[in-house]
């Protein structure tokens, strides 16, 4: 999304958040995420300058095929919190 839409200015950051985070929660009828004390965190932190070469070893699932194999991409998730649990730490599944 960053490489092909945000960096070439076809989409802004706010629209990216809308498309990738807010709209899917709405479609699934999930409550909006709140960033406030006492709420269960559902957040993904992104390093917008990270450089990623998509190789079979980079893929986390059992399948080692992807339309992105061989691509050089900009931006990567570094940390993800689901229900307050830190499930992706420094780019590695916890």
PDB file of N, CA and C in Angstrom:
ATOM      1  N   UNK A   1       0.825  -1.189   0.000  1.00  0.00           N
ATOM      2  CA  UNK A   1       0.000   0.000   0.000  1.00  0.00           C
ATOM      3  C   UNK A   1       0.870   1.255   0.000  1.00  0.00           C
ATOM      4  N   UNK A   2       1.922   1.258   0.828  1.00  0.00           N
ATOM      5  CA  UNK A   2       2.797   2.425   0.846  1.00  0.00           C
ATOM      6  C   UNK A   2       3.530   2.577  -0.478  1.00  0.00           C
ATOM      7  N   UNK A   3       4.134   1.483  -0.946  1.00  0.00           N
ATOM      8  CA  UNK A   3       4.948   1.528  -2.156  1.00  0.00           C
ATOM      9  C   UNK A   3       4.149   1.982  -3.362  1.00  0.00           C
ATOM     10  N   UNK A   4       2.959   1.448  -3.518  1.00  0.00           N
ATOM     11  CA  UNK A   4       2.199   1.678  -4.748  1.00  0.00           C
ATOM     12  C   UNK A   4       1.117   2.744  -4.659  1.00  0.00           C
ATOM     13  N   UNK A   5       0.748   3.153  -3.451  1.00  0.00           N
ATOM     14  CA  UNK A   5      -0.335   4.138  -3.333  1.00  0.00           C
ATOM     15  C   UNK A   5       0.049   5.386  -2.549  1.00  0.00           C
ATOM     16  N   UNK A   6       0.625   5.217  -1.359  1.00  0.00           N
ATOM     17  CA  UNK A   6       0.918   6.388  -0.527  1.00  0.00           C
ATOM     18  C   UNK A   6       2.130   7.160  -1.056  1.00  0.00           C
ATOM     19  N   UNK A   7       3.253   6.465  -1.298  1.00  0.00           N
ATOM     20  CA  UNK A   7       4.456   7.169  -1.753  1.00  0.00           C
ATOM     21  C   UNK A   7       4.275   7.880  -3.093  1.00  0.00           C
ATOM     22  N   UNK A   8       3.587   7.264  -4.073  1.00  0.00           N
ATOM     23  CA  UNK A   8       3.353   8.001  -5.323  1.00  0.00           C
ATOM     24  C   UNK A   8       2.191   9.008  -5.221  1.00  0.00           C
ATOM     25  N   UNK A   9       1.684   9.200  -4.005  1.00  0.00           N
ATOM     26  CA  UNK A   9       0.630  10.181  -3.703  1.00  0.00           C
ATOM     27  C   UNK A   9      -0.687   9.912  -4.418  1.00  0.00           C
ATOM     28  N   UNK A  10      -0.999   8.633  -4.608  1.00  0.00           N
ATOM     29  CA  UNK A  10      -2.321   8.262  -5.133  1.00  0.00           C
ATOM     30  C   UNK A  10      -3.329   8.142  -3.997  1.00  0.00           C
ATOM     31  N   UNK A  11      -2.815   8.021  -2.755  1.00  0.00           N
ATOM     32  CA  UNK A  11      -3.655   7.886  -1.570  1.00  0.00           C
ATOM     33  C   UNK A  11      -2.906   8.520  -0.403  1.00  0.00           C
ATOM     34  N   UNK A  12      -3.612   9.208   0.452  1.00  0.00           N
ATOM     35  CA  UNK A  12      -2.999   9.798   1.641  1.00  0.00           C
ATOM     36  C   UNK A  12      -3.019   8.824   2.811  1.00  0.00           C
ATOM     37  N   UNK A  13      -2.269   9.175   3.860  1.00  0.00           N
ATOM     38  CA  UNK A  13      -2.207   8.320   5.046  1.00  0.00           C
ATOM     39  C   UNK A  13      -3.578   8.131   5.687  1.00  0.00           C
ATOM     40  N   UNK A  14      -4.380   9.180   5.769  1.00  0.00           N
ATOM     41  CA  UNK A  14      -5.696   9.050   6.416  1.00  0.00           C
ATOM     42  C   UNK A  14      -6.594   8.097   5.632  1.00  0.00           C
ATOM     43  N   UNK A  15      -6.532   8.148   4.314  1.00  0.00           N
ATOM     44  CA  UNK A  15      -7.332   7.219   3.492  1.00  0.00           C
ATOM     45  C   UNK A  15      -6.816   5.796   3.660  1.00  0.00           C
ATOM     46  N   UNK A  16      -5.502   5.619   3.773  1.00  0.00           N
ATOM     47  CA  UNK A  16      -4.921   4.289   3.995  1.00  0.00           C
ATOM     48  C   UNK A  16      -5.459   3.690   5.291  1.00  0.00           C
ATOM     49  N   UNK A  17      -5.480   4.481   6.351  1.00  0.00           N
ATOM     50  CA  UNK A  17      -6.011   4.004   7.637  1.00  0.00           C
ATOM     51  C   UNK A  17      -7.488   3.652   7.488  1.00  0.00           C
ATOM     52  N   UNK A  18      -8.229   4.472   6.774  1.00  0.00           N
ATOM     53  CA  UNK A  18      -9.656   4.202   6.547  1.00  0.00           C
ATOM     54  C   UNK A  18      -9.850   2.856   5.845  1.00  0.00           C
ATOM     55  N   UNK A  19      -9.099   2.636   4.770  1.00  0.00           N
ATOM     56  CA  UNK A  19      -9.255   1.432   3.943  1.00  0.00           C
ATOM     57  C   UNK A  19      -8.748   0.176   4.646  1.00  0.00           C
ATOM     58  N   UNK A  20      -7.634   0.295   5.355  1.00  0.00           N
ATOM     59  CA  UNK A  20      -6.990  -0.891   5.932  1.00  0.00           C
ATOM     60  C   UNK A  20      -7.437  -1.219   7.351  1.00  0.00           C
ATOM     61  N   UNK A  21      -7.992  -0.251   8.080  1.00  0.00           N
ATOM     62  CA  UNK A  21      -8.318  -0.498   9.484  1.00  0.00           C
ATOM     63  C   UNK A  21      -9.769  -0.178   9.838  1.00  0.00           C
ATOM     64  N   UNK A  22     -10.206   1.004   9.514  1.00  0.00           N
ATOM     65  CA  UNK A  22     -11.539   1.427   9.944  1.00  0.00           C
ATOM     66  C   UNK A  22     -12.641   0.707   9.179  1.00  0.00           C
ATOM     67  N   UNK A  23     -12.562   0.692   7.843  1.00  0.00           N
ATOM     68  CA  UNK A  23     -13.609   0.042   7.047  1.00  0.00           C
ATOM     69  C   UNK A  23     -13.753  -1.448   7.344  1.00  0.00           C
ATOM     70  N   UNK A  24     -12.655  -2.225   7.438  1.00  0.00           N
ATOM     71  CA  UNK A  24     -12.831  -3.649   7.758  1.00  0.00           C
ATOM     72  C   UNK A  24     -13.524  -3.875   9.097  1.00  0.00           C
ATOM     73  N   UNK A  25     -13.208  -3.064  10.107  1.00  0.00           N
ATOM     74  CA  UNK A  25     -13.885  -3.211  11.407  1.00  0.00           C
ATOM     75  C   UNK A  25     -15.370  -2.914  11.262  1.00  0.00           C
ATOM     76  N   UNK A  26     -15.702  -1.929  10.453  1.00  0.00           N
ATOM     77  CA  UNK A  26     -17.100  -1.580  10.226  1.00  0.00           C
ATOM     78  C   UNK A  26     -17.841  -2.714   9.526  1.00  0.00           C
ATOM     79  N   UNK A  27     -17.235  -3.280   8.493  1.00  0.00           N
ATOM     80  CA  UNK A  27     -17.853  -4.389   7.754  1.00  0.00           C
ATOM     81  C   UNK A  27     -18.097  -5.583   8.687  1.00  0.00           C
ATOM     82  N   UNK A  28     -17.157  -5.829   9.602  1.00  0.00           N
ATOM     83  CA  UNK A  28     -17.285  -6.946  10.545  1.00  0.00           C
ATOM     84  C   UNK A  28     -18.123  -6.591  11.767  1.00  0.00           C
ATOM     85  N   UNK A  29     -18.647  -5.373  11.784  1.00  0.00           N
ATOM     86  CA  UNK A  29     -19.477  -4.873  12.886  1.00  0.00           C
ATOM     87  C   UNK A  29     -18.746  -4.906  14.228  1.00  0.00           C
ATOM     88  N   UNK A  30     -17.463  -4.577  14.182  1.00  0.00           N
ATOM     89  CA  UNK A  30     -16.660  -4.472  15.396  1.00  0.00           C
ATOM     90  C   UNK A  30     -16.662  -3.026  15.866  1.00  0.00           C
ATOM     91  N   UNK A  31     -16.563  -2.834  17.171  1.00  0.00           N
ATOM     92  CA  UNK A  31     -16.497  -1.478  17.709  1.00  0.00           C
ATOM     93  C   UNK A  31     -15.242  -0.778  17.211  1.00  0.00           C
ATOM     94  N   UNK A  32     -15.305   0.530  17.028  1.00  0.00           N
ATOM     95  CA  UNK A  32     -14.108   1.273  16.651  1.00  0.00           C
ATOM     96  C   UNK A  32     -13.026   1.126  17.726  1.00  0.00           C
ATOM     97  N   UNK A  33     -11.779   1.181  17.307  1.00  0.00           N
ATOM     98  CA  UNK A  33     -10.665   1.128  18.248  1.00  0.00           C
ATOM     99  C   UNK A  33     -10.571   2.463  18.962  1.00  0.00           C
ATOM    100  N   UNK A  34     -10.367   2.398  20.268  1.00  0.00           N
ATOM    101  CA  UNK A  34     -10.183   3.607  21.062  1.00  0.00           C
ATOM    102  C   UNK A  34      -8.773   3.589  21.651  1.00  0.00           C
ATOM    103  N   UNK A  35      -8.105   4.702  21.539  1.00  0.00           N
ATOM    104  CA  UNK A  35      -6.785   4.824  22.146  1.00  0.00           C
ATOM    105  C   UNK A  35      -6.961   5.658  23.408  1.00  0.00           C
ATOM    106  N   UNK A  36      -7.196   4.943  24.516  1.00  0.00           N
ATOM    107  CA  UNK A  36      -7.409   5.612  25.797  1.00  0.00           C
ATOM    108  C   UNK A  36      -7.116   4.632  26.922  1.00  0.00           C
ATOM    109  N   UNK A  37      -6.842   5.161  28.088  1.00  0.00           N
ATOM    110  CA  UNK A  37      -6.533   4.332  29.254  1.00  0.00           C
ATOM    111  C   UNK A  37      -7.673   3.357  29.516  1.00  0.00           C
ATOM    112  N   UNK A  38      -7.326   2.104  29.761  1.00  0.00           N
ATOM    113  CA  UNK A  38      -8.304   1.082  30.098  1.00  0.00           C
ATOM    114  C   UNK A  38      -8.889   0.341  28.917  1.00  0.00           C
ATOM    115  N   UNK A  39      -8.626   0.802  27.703  1.00  0.00           N
ATOM    116  CA  UNK A  39      -9.176   0.094  26.545  1.00  0.00           C
ATOM    117  C   UNK A  39      -8.189  -0.979  26.091  1.00  0.00           C
ATOM    118  N   UNK A  40      -8.729  -2.082  25.537  1.00  0.00           N
ATOM    119  CA  UNK A  40      -7.878  -3.148  25.000  1.00  0.00           C
ATOM    120  C   UNK A  40      -7.280  -2.698  23.685  1.00  0.00           C
ATOM    121  N   UNK A  41      -5.977  -2.674  23.614  1.00  0.00           N
ATOM    122  CA  UNK A  41      -5.311  -2.148  22.425  1.00  0.00           C
ATOM    123  C   UNK A  41      -5.434  -3.099  21.245  1.00  0.00           C
ATOM    124  N   UNK A  42      -5.858  -2.592  20.121  1.00  0.00           N
ATOM    125  CA  UNK A  42      -5.827  -3.255  18.817  1.00  0.00           C
ATOM    126  C   UNK A  42      -5.127  -2.271  17.892  1.00  0.00           C
ATOM    127  N   UNK A  43      -3.806  -2.349  17.855  1.00  0.00           N
ATOM    128  CA  UNK A  43      -3.019  -1.368  17.116  1.00  0.00           C
ATOM    129  C   UNK A  43      -1.903  -2.040  16.332  1.00  0.00           C
ATOM    130  N   UNK A  44      -1.544  -1.442  15.205  1.00  0.00           N
ATOM    131  CA  UNK A  44      -0.370  -1.864  14.446  1.00  0.00           C
ATOM    132  C   UNK A  44       0.521  -0.650  14.258  1.00  0.00           C
ATOM    133  N   UNK A  45       1.775  -0.801  14.641  1.00  0.00           N
ATOM    134  CA  UNK A  45       2.760   0.255  14.452  1.00  0.00           C
ATOM    135  C   UNK A  45       3.533  -0.042  13.177  1.00  0.00           C
ATOM    136  N   UNK A  46       3.761   0.988  12.382  1.00  0.00           N
ATOM    137  CA  UNK A  46       4.391   0.825  11.076  1.00  0.00           C
ATOM    138  C   UNK A  46       5.652   1.674  11.003  1.00  0.00           C
ATOM    139  N   UNK A  47       6.711   1.089  10.450  1.00  0.00           N
ATOM    140  CA  UNK A  47       7.917   1.846  10.116  1.00  0.00           C
ATOM    141  C   UNK A  47       7.802   2.189   8.636  1.00  0.00           C
ATOM    142  N   UNK A  48       7.448   3.442   8.300  1.00  0.00           N
ATOM    143  CA  UNK A  48       7.218   3.792   6.899  1.00  0.00           C
ATOM    144  C   UNK A  48       8.489   3.829   6.050  1.00  0.00           C
ATOM    145  N   UNK A  49       9.645   3.767   6.680  1.00  0.00           N
ATOM    146  CA  UNK A  49      10.889   3.799   5.904  1.00  0.00           C
ATOM    147  C   UNK A  49      11.549   2.423   5.788  1.00  0.00           C
ATOM    148  N   UNK A  50      10.971   1.401   6.425  1.00  0.00           N
ATOM    149  CA  UNK A  50      11.547   0.052   6.346  1.00  0.00           C
ATOM    150  C   UNK A  50      11.538  -0.438   4.909  1.00  0.00           C
ATOM    151  N   UNK A  51      12.597  -1.112   4.522  1.00  0.00           N
ATOM    152  CA  UNK A  51      12.706  -1.688   3.179  1.00  0.00           C
ATOM    153  C   UNK A  51      12.555  -3.200   3.303  1.00  0.00           C
ATOM    154  N   UNK A  52      11.697  -3.793   2.492  1.00  0.00           N
ATOM    155  CA  UNK A  52      11.400  -5.221   2.575  1.00  0.00           C
ATOM    156  C   UNK A  52      11.559  -5.856   1.204  1.00  0.00           C
ATOM    157  N   UNK A  53      12.344  -6.919   1.144  1.00  0.00           N
ATOM    158  CA  UNK A  53      12.418  -7.748  -0.052  1.00  0.00           C
ATOM    159  C   UNK A  53      11.560  -8.974   0.220  1.00  0.00           C
ATOM    160  N   UNK A  54      10.535  -9.189  -0.579  1.00  0.00           N
ATOM    161  CA  UNK A  54       9.606 -10.293  -0.355  1.00  0.00           C
ATOM    162  C   UNK A  54      10.208 -11.571  -0.944  1.00  0.00           C
ATOM    163  N   UNK A  55      10.597 -12.460  -0.038  1.00  0.00           N
ATOM    164  CA  UNK A  55      11.157 -13.762  -0.394  1.00  0.00           C
ATOM    165  C   UNK A  55      10.301 -14.832   0.260  1.00  0.00           C
ATOM    166  N   UNK A  56      10.421 -16.094  -0.155  1.00  0.00           N
ATOM    167  CA  UNK A  56       9.662 -17.149   0.525  1.00  0.00           C
ATOM    168  C   UNK A  56       9.949 -17.192   2.023  1.00  0.00           C
ATOM    169  N   UNK A  57      11.182 -16.873   2.427  1.00  0.00           N
ATOM    170  CA  UNK A  57      11.546 -16.890   3.846  1.00  0.00           C
ATOM    171  C   UNK A  57      10.876 -15.753   4.621  1.00  0.00           C
ATOM    172  N   UNK A  58      10.581 -14.662   3.951  1.00  0.00           N
ATOM    173  CA  UNK A  58       9.939 -13.516   4.589  1.00  0.00           C
ATOM    174  C   UNK A  58       8.487 -13.831   4.950  1.00  0.00           C
ATOM    175  N   UNK A  59       7.833 -14.667   4.159  1.00  0.00           N
ATOM    176  CA  UNK A  59       6.424 -14.993   4.383  1.00  0.00           C
ATOM    177  C   UNK A  59       6.272 -15.782   5.681  1.00  0.00           C
ATOM    178  N   UNK A  60       5.245 -15.455   6.465  1.00  0.00           N
ATOM    179  CA  UNK A  60       5.058 -16.061   7.783  1.00  0.00           C
ATOM    180  C   UNK A  60       4.157 -17.295   7.771  1.00  0.00           C
ATOM    181  N   UNK A  61       3.339 -17.465   6.756  1.00  0.00           N
ATOM    182  CA  UNK A  61       2.407 -18.589   6.708  1.00  0.00           C
ATOM    183  C   UNK A  61       3.067 -19.857   6.189  1.00  0.00           C
ATOM    184  N   UNK A  62       2.299 -20.910   6.109  1.00  0.00           N
ATOM    185  CA  UNK A  62       2.796 -22.189   5.596  1.00  0.00           C
ATOM    186  C   UNK A  62       3.029 -22.129   4.090  1.00  0.00           C
ATOM    187  N   UNK A  63       2.188 -21.396   3.380  1.00  0.00           N
ATOM    188  CA  UNK A  63       2.351 -21.257   1.931  1.00  0.00           C
ATOM    189  C   UNK A  63       3.541 -20.348   1.655  1.00  0.00           C
ATOM    190  N   UNK A  64       4.310 -20.688   0.683  1.00  0.00           N
ATOM    191  CA  UNK A  64       5.488 -19.885   0.341  1.00  0.00           C
ATOM    192  C   UNK A  64       5.356 -19.290  -1.059  1.00  0.00           C
ATOM    193  N   UNK A  65       4.118 -18.994  -1.439  1.00  0.00           N
ATOM    194  CA  UNK A  65       3.903 -18.333  -2.722  1.00  0.00           C
ATOM    195  C   UNK A  65       3.106 -17.058  -2.474  1.00  0.00           C
ATOM    196  N   UNK A  66       3.333 -16.083  -3.303  1.00  0.00           N
ATOM    197  CA  UNK A  66       2.651 -14.805  -3.177  1.00  0.00           C
ATOM    198  C   UNK A  66       2.845 -14.027  -4.468  1.00  0.00           C
ATOM    199  N   UNK A  67       1.868 -13.213  -4.806  1.00  0.00           N
ATOM    200  CA  UNK A  67       1.997 -12.337  -5.971  1.00  0.00           C
ATOM    201  C   UNK A  67       3.095 -11.300  -5.740  1.00  0.00           C
ATOM    202  N   UNK A  68       3.519 -11.126  -4.486  1.00  0.00           N
ATOM    203  CA  UNK A  68       4.532 -10.128  -4.152  1.00  0.00           C
ATOM    204  C   UNK A  68       5.953 -10.686  -4.132  1.00  0.00           C
ATOM    205  N   UNK A  69       6.125 -11.997  -4.375  1.00  0.00           N
ATOM    206  CA  UNK A  69       7.474 -12.567  -4.368  1.00  0.00           C
ATOM    207  C   UNK A  69       8.375 -11.796  -5.328  1.00  0.00           C
ATOM    208  N   UNK A  70       9.551 -11.450  -4.847  1.00  0.00           N
ATOM    209  CA  UNK A  70      10.512 -10.711  -5.650  1.00  0.00           C
ATOM    210  C   UNK A  70      10.351  -9.207  -5.584  1.00  0.00           C
ATOM    211  N   UNK A  71       9.287  -8.742  -4.970  1.00  0.00           N
ATOM    212  CA  UNK A  71       9.046  -7.296  -4.885  1.00  0.00           C
ATOM    213  C   UNK A  71       9.935  -6.660  -3.826  1.00  0.00           C
ATOM    214  N   UNK A  72      10.316  -5.428  -4.053  1.00  0.00           N
ATOM    215  CA  UNK A  72      11.023  -4.615  -3.069  1.00  0.00           C
ATOM    216  C   UNK A  72      10.022  -3.563  -2.615  1.00  0.00           C
ATOM    217  N   UNK A  73       9.620  -3.616  -1.341  1.00  0.00           N
ATOM    218  CA  UNK A  73       8.560  -2.749  -0.832  1.00  0.00           C
ATOM    219  C   UNK A  73       9.078  -1.812   0.248  1.00  0.00           C
ATOM    220  N   UNK A  74       8.406  -0.701   0.396  1.00  0.00           N
ATOM    221  CA  UNK A  74       8.728   0.264   1.440  1.00  0.00           C
ATOM    222  C   UNK A  74       7.621   0.229   2.483  1.00  0.00           C
ATOM    223  N   UNK A  75       8.030   0.186   3.762  1.00  0.00           N
ATOM    224  CA  UNK A  75       7.086   0.183   4.872  1.00  0.00           C
ATOM    225  C   UNK A  75       6.807  -1.215   5.365  1.00  0.00           C
ATOM    226  N   UNK A  76       6.778  -1.364   6.684  1.00  0.00           N
ATOM    227  CA  UNK A  76       6.495  -2.675   7.281  1.00  0.00           C
ATOM    228  C   UNK A  76       5.933  -2.492   8.683  1.00  0.00           C
ATOM    229  N   UNK A  77       5.064  -3.404   9.058  1.00  0.00           N
ATOM    230  CA  UNK A  77       4.570  -3.425  10.435  1.00  0.00           C
ATOM    231  C   UNK A  77       5.719  -3.852  11.339  1.00  0.00           C
ATOM    232  N   UNK A  78       5.891  -3.138  12.440  1.00  0.00           N
ATOM    233  CA  UNK A  78       6.938  -3.503  13.393  1.00  0.00           C
ATOM    234  C   UNK A  78       6.353  -4.158  14.634  1.00  0.00           C
ATOM    235  N   UNK A  79       5.212  -3.655  15.072  1.00  0.00           N
ATOM    236  CA  UNK A  79       4.588  -4.171  16.284  1.00  0.00           C
ATOM    237  C   UNK A  79       3.079  -4.162  16.114  1.00  0.00           C
ATOM    238  N   UNK A  80       2.437  -5.209  16.642  1.00  0.00           N
ATOM    239  CA  UNK A  80       0.979  -5.299  16.594  1.00  0.00           C
ATOM    240  C   UNK A  80       0.471  -5.739  17.959  1.00  0.00           C
ATOM    241  N   UNK A  81      -0.590  -5.085  18.401  1.00  0.00           N
ATOM    242  CA  UNK A  81      -1.265  -5.426  19.646  1.00  0.00           C
ATOM    243  C   UNK A  81      -2.682  -5.844  19.306  1.00  0.00           C
ATOM    244  N   UNK A  82      -3.105  -6.994  19.807  1.00  0.00           N
ATOM    245  CA  UNK A  82      -4.464  -7.486  19.584  1.00  0.00           C
ATOM    246  C   UNK A  82      -5.087  -7.729  20.952  1.00  0.00           C
ATOM    247  N   UNK A  83      -6.149  -7.004  21.255  1.00  0.00           N
ATOM    248  CA  UNK A  83      -6.780  -7.133  22.565  1.00  0.00           C
ATOM    249  C   UNK A  83      -5.812  -6.842  23.695  1.00  0.00           C
ATOM    250  N   UNK A  84      -4.865  -5.951  23.446  1.00  0.00           N
ATOM    251  CA  UNK A  84      -3.885  -5.591  24.452  1.00  0.00           C
ATOM    252  C   UNK A  84      -2.668  -6.500  24.492  1.00  0.00           C
ATOM    253  N   UNK A  85      -2.703  -7.601  23.740  1.00  0.00           N
ATOM    254  CA  UNK A  85      -1.584  -8.564  23.709  1.00  0.00           C
ATOM    255  C   UNK A  85      -0.614  -8.190  22.598  1.00  0.00           C
ATOM    256  N   UNK A  86       0.667  -8.133  22.907  1.00  0.00           N
ATOM    257  CA  UNK A  86       1.718  -7.773  21.947  1.00  0.00           C
ATOM    258  C   UNK A  86       2.044  -9.019  21.121  1.00  0.00           C
ATOM    259  N   UNK A  87       1.504  -9.110  19.902  1.00  0.00           N
ATOM    260  CA  UNK A  87       1.634 -10.336  19.100  1.00  0.00           C
ATOM    261  C   UNK A  87       2.701 -10.252  18.006  1.00  0.00           C
ATOM    262  N   UNK A  88       3.095  -9.055  17.630  1.00  0.00           N
ATOM    263  CA  UNK A  88       4.201  -8.849  16.693  1.00  0.00           C
ATOM    264  C   UNK A  88       5.151  -7.879  17.386  1.00  0.00           C
ATOM    265  N   UNK A  89       6.377  -8.342  17.646  1.00  0.00           N
ATOM    266  CA  UNK A  89       7.355  -7.547  18.388  1.00  0.00           C
ATOM    267  C   UNK A  89       8.584  -7.340  17.506  1.00  0.00           C
ATOM    268  N   UNK A  90       8.857  -6.077  17.190  1.00  0.00           N
ATOM    269  CA  UNK A  90      10.001  -5.752  16.330  1.00  0.00           C
ATOM    270  C   UNK A  90      10.014  -6.583  15.043  1.00  0.00           C
ATOM    271  N   UNK A  91       8.828  -6.760  14.449  1.00  0.00           N
ATOM    272  CA  UNK A  91       8.722  -7.474  13.178  1.00  0.00           C
ATOM    273  C   UNK A  91       8.706  -8.979  13.286  1.00  0.00           C
ATOM    274  N   UNK A  92       8.711  -9.526  14.500  1.00  0.00           N
ATOM    275  CA  UNK A  92       8.716 -10.971  14.705  1.00  0.00           C
ATOM    276  C   UNK A  92       7.471 -11.394  15.468  1.00  0.00           C
ATOM    277  N   UNK A  93       6.816 -12.454  14.997  1.00  0.00           N
ATOM    278  CA  UNK A  93       5.634 -12.958  15.688  1.00  0.00           C
ATOM    279  C   UNK A  93       6.041 -13.471  17.065  1.00  0.00           C
ATOM    280  N   UNK A  94       5.342 -12.977  18.084  1.00  0.00           N
ATOM    281  CA  UNK A  94       5.670 -13.340  19.482  1.00  0.00           C
ATOM    282  C   UNK A  94       5.090 -14.691  19.850  1.00  0.00           C
TER     283      UNK A  94
END
